[in-house]
Amino acid sequence: MSILKVIEVLSESSESWEDATAKGVVKASTSVSHVKSAFVQNQSVTVKDGEVDKYRVNLKITFEVK
């Protein structure tokens, strides 16, 4: 039987929501082992001088507890 745990991670990128998601998963994987999935709960942007500056995602990262 596997036990899974979920943590919430906030990540941002100047490129895209996909890049912000990938960066969040990579960073979470440096401190948490056995990451199984990531769920994008929310997406948002910051605006600077009338243009999109940063893409932000709120992720739910699921990992297996060994």
PDB file of N, CA and C in Angstrom:
ATOM      1  N   MET A   1       0.848  -1.183   0.000  1.00  0.00           N
ATOM      2  CA  MET A   1       0.000   0.000   0.000  1.00  0.00           C
ATOM      3  C   MET A   1       0.890   1.242   0.000  1.00  0.00           C
ATOM      4  N   SER A   2       0.570   2.200  -0.830  1.00  0.00           N
ATOM      5  CA  SER A   2       1.327   3.445  -0.917  1.00  0.00           C
ATOM      6  C   SER A   2       0.621   4.551  -0.142  1.00  0.00           C
ATOM      7  N   ILE A   3       1.423   5.388   0.464  1.00  0.00           N
ATOM      8  CA  ILE A   3       0.921   6.588   1.122  1.00  0.00           C
ATOM      9  C   ILE A   3       1.405   7.776   0.298  1.00  0.00           C
ATOM     10  N   LEU A   4       0.483   8.652  -0.083  1.00  0.00           N
ATOM     11  CA  LEU A   4       0.820   9.833  -0.872  1.00  0.00           C
ATOM     12  C   LEU A   4       0.550  11.085  -0.044  1.00  0.00           C
ATOM     13  N   LYS A   5       1.370  12.092  -0.254  1.00  0.00           N
ATOM     14  CA  LYS A   5       1.208  13.372   0.426  1.00  0.00           C
ATOM     15  C   LYS A   5       1.169  14.470  -0.619  1.00  0.00           C
ATOM     16  N   VAL A   6       0.456  15.560  -0.319  1.00  0.00           N
ATOM     17  CA  VAL A   6       0.325  16.679  -1.241  1.00  0.00           C
ATOM     18  C   VAL A   6       0.876  17.936  -0.567  1.00  0.00           C
ATOM     19  N   ILE A   7       1.705  18.670  -1.305  1.00  0.00           N
ATOM     20  CA  ILE A   7       2.186  19.970  -0.851  1.00  0.00           C
ATOM     21  C   ILE A   7       1.779  21.022  -1.875  1.00  0.00           C
ATOM     22  N   GLU A   8       1.723  22.254  -1.440  1.00  0.00           N
ATOM     23  CA  GLU A   8       1.373  23.342  -2.341  1.00  0.00           C
ATOM     24  C   GLU A   8       2.626  24.158  -2.649  1.00  0.00           C
ATOM     25  N   VAL A   9       2.837  24.455  -3.935  1.00  0.00           N
ATOM     26  CA  VAL A   9       4.025  25.171  -4.389  1.00  0.00           C
ATOM     27  C   VAL A   9       3.585  26.333  -5.283  1.00  0.00           C
ATOM     28  N   LEU A  10       4.193  27.484  -5.077  1.00  0.00           N
ATOM     29  CA  LEU A  10       3.966  28.642  -5.936  1.00  0.00           C
ATOM     30  C   LEU A  10       5.218  28.849  -6.772  1.00  0.00           C
ATOM     31  N   SER A  11       5.050  29.036  -8.067  1.00  0.00           N
ATOM     32  CA  SER A  11       6.199  29.173  -8.966  1.00  0.00           C
ATOM     33  C   SER A  11       5.893  30.234 -10.017  1.00  0.00           C
ATOM     34  N   GLU A  12       6.961  30.867 -10.538  1.00  0.00           N
ATOM     35  CA  GLU A  12       6.757  31.868 -11.588  1.00  0.00           C
ATOM     36  C   GLU A  12       7.844  31.783 -12.647  1.00  0.00           C
ATOM     37  N   SER A  13       7.523  32.341 -13.816  1.00  0.00           N
ATOM     38  CA  SER A  13       8.443  32.352 -14.944  1.00  0.00           C
ATOM     39  C   SER A  13       8.159  33.585 -15.792  1.00  0.00           C
ATOM     40  N   SER A  14       9.176  34.072 -16.452  1.00  0.00           N
ATOM     41  CA  SER A  14       8.957  35.175 -17.390  1.00  0.00           C
ATOM     42  C   SER A  14       8.619  34.656 -18.783  1.00  0.00           C
ATOM     43  N   GLU A  15       8.664  33.324 -18.962  1.00  0.00           N
ATOM     44  CA  GLU A  15       8.432  32.700 -20.277  1.00  0.00           C
ATOM     45  C   GLU A  15       6.971  32.294 -20.513  1.00  0.00           C
ATOM     46  N   SER A  16       6.429  31.433 -19.606  1.00  0.00           N
ATOM     47  CA  SER A  16       5.088  30.877 -19.828  1.00  0.00           C
ATOM     48  C   SER A  16       4.601  30.151 -18.577  1.00  0.00           C
ATOM     49  N   TRP A  17       3.298  29.800 -18.583  1.00  0.00           N
ATOM     50  CA  TRP A  17       2.764  28.992 -17.486  1.00  0.00           C
ATOM     51  C   TRP A  17       3.390  27.605 -17.491  1.00  0.00           C
ATOM     52  N   GLU A  18       3.645  27.058 -18.659  1.00  0.00           N
ATOM     53  CA  GLU A  18       4.273  25.738 -18.749  1.00  0.00           C
ATOM     54  C   GLU A  18       5.669  25.756 -18.129  1.00  0.00           C
ATOM     55  N   ASP A  19       6.420  26.815 -18.401  1.00  0.00           N
ATOM     56  CA  ASP A  19       7.761  26.944 -17.830  1.00  0.00           C
ATOM     57  C   ASP A  19       7.686  27.118 -16.315  1.00  0.00           C
ATOM     58  N   ALA A  20       6.726  27.895 -15.843  1.00  0.00           N
ATOM     59  CA  ALA A  20       6.543  28.064 -14.395  1.00  0.00           C
ATOM     60  C   ALA A  20       6.212  26.731 -13.734  1.00  0.00           C
ATOM     61  N   THR A  21       5.373  25.919 -14.401  1.00  0.00           N
ATOM     62  CA  THR A  21       5.021  24.600 -13.881  1.00  0.00           C
ATOM     63  C   THR A  21       6.255  23.704 -13.821  1.00  0.00           C
ATOM     64  N   ALA A  22       7.011  23.651 -14.896  1.00  0.00           N
ATOM     65  CA  ALA A  22       8.216  22.820 -14.939  1.00  0.00           C
ATOM     66  C   ALA A  22       9.217  23.247 -13.869  1.00  0.00           C
ATOM     67  N   LYS A  23       9.411  24.547 -13.701  1.00  0.00           N
ATOM     68  CA  LYS A  23      10.338  25.040 -12.678  1.00  0.00           C
ATOM     69  C   LYS A  23       9.869  24.659 -11.278  1.00  0.00           C
ATOM     70  N   GLY A  24       8.579  24.740 -11.034  1.00  0.00           N
ATOM     71  CA  GLY A  24       8.027  24.361  -9.729  1.00  0.00           C
ATOM     72  C   GLY A  24       8.236  22.895  -9.421  1.00  0.00           C
ATOM     73  N   VAL A  25       8.020  22.043 -10.422  1.00  0.00           N
ATOM     74  CA  VAL A  25       8.211  20.594 -10.231  1.00  0.00           C
ATOM     75  C   VAL A  25       9.685  20.280  -9.994  1.00  0.00           C
ATOM     76  N   VAL A  26      10.567  20.879 -10.788  1.00  0.00           N
ATOM     77  CA  VAL A  26      12.010  20.636 -10.630  1.00  0.00           C
ATOM     78  C   VAL A  26      12.478  21.084  -9.248  1.00  0.00           C
ATOM     79  N   LYS A  27      12.058  22.263  -8.819  1.00  0.00           N
ATOM     80  CA  LYS A  27      12.483  22.779  -7.513  1.00  0.00           C
ATOM     81  C   LYS A  27      11.943  21.924  -6.378  1.00  0.00           C
ATOM     82  N   ALA A  28      10.675  21.524  -6.456  1.00  0.00           N
ATOM     83  CA  ALA A  28      10.094  20.669  -5.416  1.00  0.00           C
ATOM     84  C   ALA A  28      10.824  19.335  -5.353  1.00  0.00           C
ATOM     85  N   SER A  29      11.234  18.821  -6.505  1.00  0.00           N
ATOM     86  CA  SER A  29      11.933  17.523  -6.557  1.00  0.00           C
ATOM     87  C   SER A  29      13.307  17.569  -5.900  1.00  0.00           C
ATOM     88  N   THR A  30      13.866  18.765  -5.704  1.00  0.00           N
ATOM     89  CA  THR A  30      15.169  18.849  -5.033  1.00  0.00           C
ATOM     90  C   THR A  30      15.059  18.617  -3.532  1.00  0.00           C
ATOM     91  N   SER A  31      13.869  18.845  -2.961  1.00  0.00           N
ATOM     92  CA  SER A  31      13.711  18.640  -1.524  1.00  0.00           C
ATOM     93  C   SER A  31      12.730  17.521  -1.169  1.00  0.00           C
ATOM     94  N   VAL A  32      11.964  17.053  -2.149  1.00  0.00           N
ATOM     95  CA  VAL A  32      10.988  15.980  -1.926  1.00  0.00           C
ATOM     96  C   VAL A  32      11.258  14.869  -2.936  1.00  0.00           C
ATOM     97  N   SER A  33      11.358  13.639  -2.444  1.00  0.00           N
ATOM     98  CA  SER A  33      11.598  12.494  -3.329  1.00  0.00           C
ATOM     99  C   SER A  33      10.288  11.865  -3.783  1.00  0.00           C
ATOM    100  N   HIS A  34      10.353  11.129  -4.865  1.00  0.00           N
ATOM    101  CA  HIS A  34       9.243  10.307  -5.357  1.00  0.00           C
ATOM    102  C   HIS A  34       8.015  11.128  -5.769  1.00  0.00           C
ATOM    103  N   VAL A  35       8.248  12.270  -6.461  1.00  0.00           N
ATOM    104  CA  VAL A  35       7.132  13.084  -6.957  1.00  0.00           C
ATOM    105  C   VAL A  35       6.382  12.284  -8.015  1.00  0.00           C
ATOM    106  N   LYS A  36       5.073  12.223  -7.869  1.00  0.00           N
ATOM    107  CA  LYS A  36       4.234  11.429  -8.775  1.00  0.00           C
ATOM    108  C   LYS A  36       3.419  12.280  -9.738  1.00  0.00           C
ATOM    109  N   SER A  37       2.978  13.477  -9.307  1.00  0.00           N
ATOM    110  CA  SER A  37       2.147  14.295 -10.186  1.00  0.00           C
ATOM    111  C   SER A  37       2.127  15.742  -9.699  1.00  0.00           C
ATOM    112  N   ALA A  38       1.663  16.613 -10.593  1.00  0.00           N
ATOM    113  CA  ALA A  38       1.471  18.022 -10.260  1.00  0.00           C
ATOM    114  C   ALA A  38       0.140  18.470 -10.859  1.00  0.00           C
ATOM    115  N   PHE A  39      -0.644  19.143 -10.059  1.00  0.00           N
ATOM    116  CA  PHE A  39      -1.935  19.663 -10.488  1.00  0.00           C
ATOM    117  C   PHE A  39      -1.866  21.184 -10.458  1.00  0.00           C
ATOM    118  N   VAL A  40      -2.144  21.830 -11.580  1.00  0.00           N
ATOM    119  CA  VAL A  40      -2.144  23.291 -11.634  1.00  0.00           C
ATOM    120  C   VAL A  40      -3.490  23.763 -11.101  1.00  0.00           C
ATOM    121  N   GLN A  41      -3.452  24.329  -9.900  1.00  0.00           N
ATOM    122  CA  GLN A  41      -4.682  24.779  -9.256  1.00  0.00           C
ATOM    123  C   GLN A  41      -5.113  26.151  -9.768  1.00  0.00           C
ATOM    124  N   ASN A  42      -4.153  27.050  -9.924  1.00  0.00           N
ATOM    125  CA  ASN A  42      -4.453  28.407 -10.387  1.00  0.00           C
ATOM    126  C   ASN A  42      -3.351  28.914 -11.300  1.00  0.00           C
ATOM    127  N   GLN A  43      -3.715  29.802 -12.189  1.00  0.00           N
ATOM    128  CA  GLN A  43      -2.754  30.496 -13.044  1.00  0.00           C
ATOM    129  C   GLN A  43      -3.038  31.992 -12.922  1.00  0.00           C
ATOM    130  N   SER A  44      -1.964  32.773 -12.906  1.00  0.00           N
ATOM    131  CA  SER A  44      -2.124  34.224 -12.880  1.00  0.00           C
ATOM    132  C   SER A  44      -0.898  34.860 -13.510  1.00  0.00           C
ATOM    133  N   VAL A  45      -0.975  36.157 -13.731  1.00  0.00           N
ATOM    134  CA  VAL A  45       0.163  36.897 -14.278  1.00  0.00           C
ATOM    135  C   VAL A  45       0.366  38.167 -13.467  1.00  0.00           C
ATOM    136  N   THR A  46       1.582  38.680 -13.531  1.00  0.00           N
ATOM    137  CA  THR A  46       1.839  40.025 -13.025  1.00  0.00           C
ATOM    138  C   THR A  46       1.987  40.925 -14.241  1.00  0.00           C
ATOM    139  N   VAL A  47       1.624  42.176 -14.066  1.00  0.00           N
ATOM    140  CA  VAL A  47       1.648  43.123 -15.181  1.00  0.00           C
ATOM    141  C   VAL A  47       2.596  44.274 -14.838  1.00  0.00           C
ATOM    142  N   LYS A  48       3.413  44.634 -15.816  1.00  0.00           N
ATOM    143  CA  LYS A  48       4.335  45.747 -15.653  1.00  0.00           C
ATOM    144  C   LYS A  48       4.262  46.617 -16.906  1.00  0.00           C
ATOM    145  N   ASP A  49       4.010  47.894 -16.741  1.00  0.00           N
ATOM    146  CA  ASP A  49       3.906  48.838 -17.856  1.00  0.00           C
ATOM    147  C   ASP A  49       2.889  48.387 -18.910  1.00  0.00           C
ATOM    148  N   GLY A  50       1.779  47.824 -18.441  1.00  0.00           N
ATOM    149  CA  GLY A  50       0.708  47.430 -19.341  1.00  0.00           C
ATOM    150  C   GLY A  50       0.924  46.126 -20.090  1.00  0.00           C
ATOM    151  N   GLU A  51       1.988  45.385 -19.758  1.00  0.00           N
ATOM    152  CA  GLU A  51       2.265  44.103 -20.423  1.00  0.00           C
ATOM    153  C   GLU A  51       2.510  43.013 -19.385  1.00  0.00           C
ATOM    154  N   VAL A  52       2.295  41.772 -19.814  1.00  0.00           N
ATOM    155  CA  VAL A  52       2.543  40.633 -18.928  1.00  0.00           C
ATOM    156  C   VAL A  52       4.025  40.588 -18.586  1.00  0.00           C
ATOM    157  N   ASP A  53       4.308  40.528 -17.287  1.00  0.00           N
ATOM    158  CA  ASP A  53       5.687  40.486 -16.808  1.00  0.00           C
ATOM    159  C   ASP A  53       6.086  39.069 -16.378  1.00  0.00           C
ATOM    160  N   LYS A  54       5.272  38.446 -15.537  1.00  0.00           N
ATOM    161  CA  LYS A  54       5.572  37.095 -15.028  1.00  0.00           C
ATOM    162  C   LYS A  54       4.315  36.226 -15.085  1.00  0.00           C
ATOM    163  N   TYR A  55       4.531  34.958 -15.374  1.00  0.00           N
ATOM    164  CA  TYR A  55       3.475  33.953 -15.336  1.00  0.00           C
ATOM    165  C   TYR A  55       3.613  33.209 -14.018  1.00  0.00           C
ATOM    166  N   ARG A  56       2.508  33.046 -13.300  1.00  0.00           N
ATOM    167  CA  ARG A  56       2.543  32.371 -12.001  1.00  0.00           C
ATOM    168  C   ARG A  56       1.576  31.194 -11.984  1.00  0.00           C
ATOM    169  N   VAL A  57       1.995  30.133 -11.296  1.00  0.00           N
ATOM    170  CA  VAL A  57       1.127  28.977 -11.101  1.00  0.00           C
ATOM    171  C   VAL A  57       1.143  28.572  -9.630  1.00  0.00           C
ATOM    172  N   ASN A  58       0.018  28.075  -9.200  1.00  0.00           N
ATOM    173  CA  ASN A  58      -0.127  27.491  -7.876  1.00  0.00           C
ATOM    174  C   ASN A  58      -0.288  25.994  -8.122  1.00  0.00           C
ATOM    175  N   LEU A  59       0.695  25.212  -7.692  1.00  0.00           N
ATOM    176  CA  LEU A  59       0.717  23.767  -7.956  1.00  0.00           C
ATOM    177  C   LEU A  59       0.418  22.961  -6.708  1.00  0.00           C
ATOM    178  N   LYS A  60      -0.247  21.848  -6.898  1.00  0.00           N
ATOM    179  CA  LYS A  60      -0.366  20.827  -5.863  1.00  0.00           C
ATOM    180  C   LYS A  60       0.513  19.670  -6.319  1.00  0.00           C
ATOM    181  N   ILE A  61       1.590  19.419  -5.584  1.00  0.00           N
ATOM    182  CA  ILE A  61       2.559  18.374  -5.912  1.00  0.00           C
ATOM    183  C   ILE A  61       2.259  17.154  -5.057  1.00  0.00           C
ATOM    184  N   THR A  62       2.085  16.015  -5.697  1.00  0.00           N
ATOM    185  CA  THR A  62       1.834  14.759  -4.991  1.00  0.00           C
ATOM    186  C   THR A  62       3.078  13.910  -5.027  1.00  0.00           C
ATOM    187  N   PHE A  63       3.471  13.382  -3.851  1.00  0.00           N
ATOM    188  CA  PHE A  63       4.643  12.514  -3.785  1.00  0.00           C
ATOM    189  C   PHE A  63       4.364  11.336  -2.873  1.00  0.00           C
ATOM    190  N   GLU A  64       5.112  10.273  -3.089  1.00  0.00           N
ATOM    191  CA  GLU A  64       4.959   9.048  -2.319  1.00  0.00           C
ATOM    192  C   GLU A  64       5.820   9.104  -1.070  1.00  0.00           C
ATOM    193  N   VAL A  65       5.228   8.753   0.065  1.00  0.00           N
ATOM    194  CA  VAL A  65       5.964   8.679   1.317  1.00  0.00           C
ATOM    195  C   VAL A  65       6.497   7.256   1.455  1.00  0.00           C
ATOM    196  N   LYS A  66       7.812   7.136   1.604  1.00  0.00           N
ATOM    197  CA  LYS A  66       8.440   5.811   1.732  1.00  0.00           C
ATOM    198  C   LYS A  66       8.624   5.436   3.173  1.00  0.00           C
TER     199      LYS A  66
END
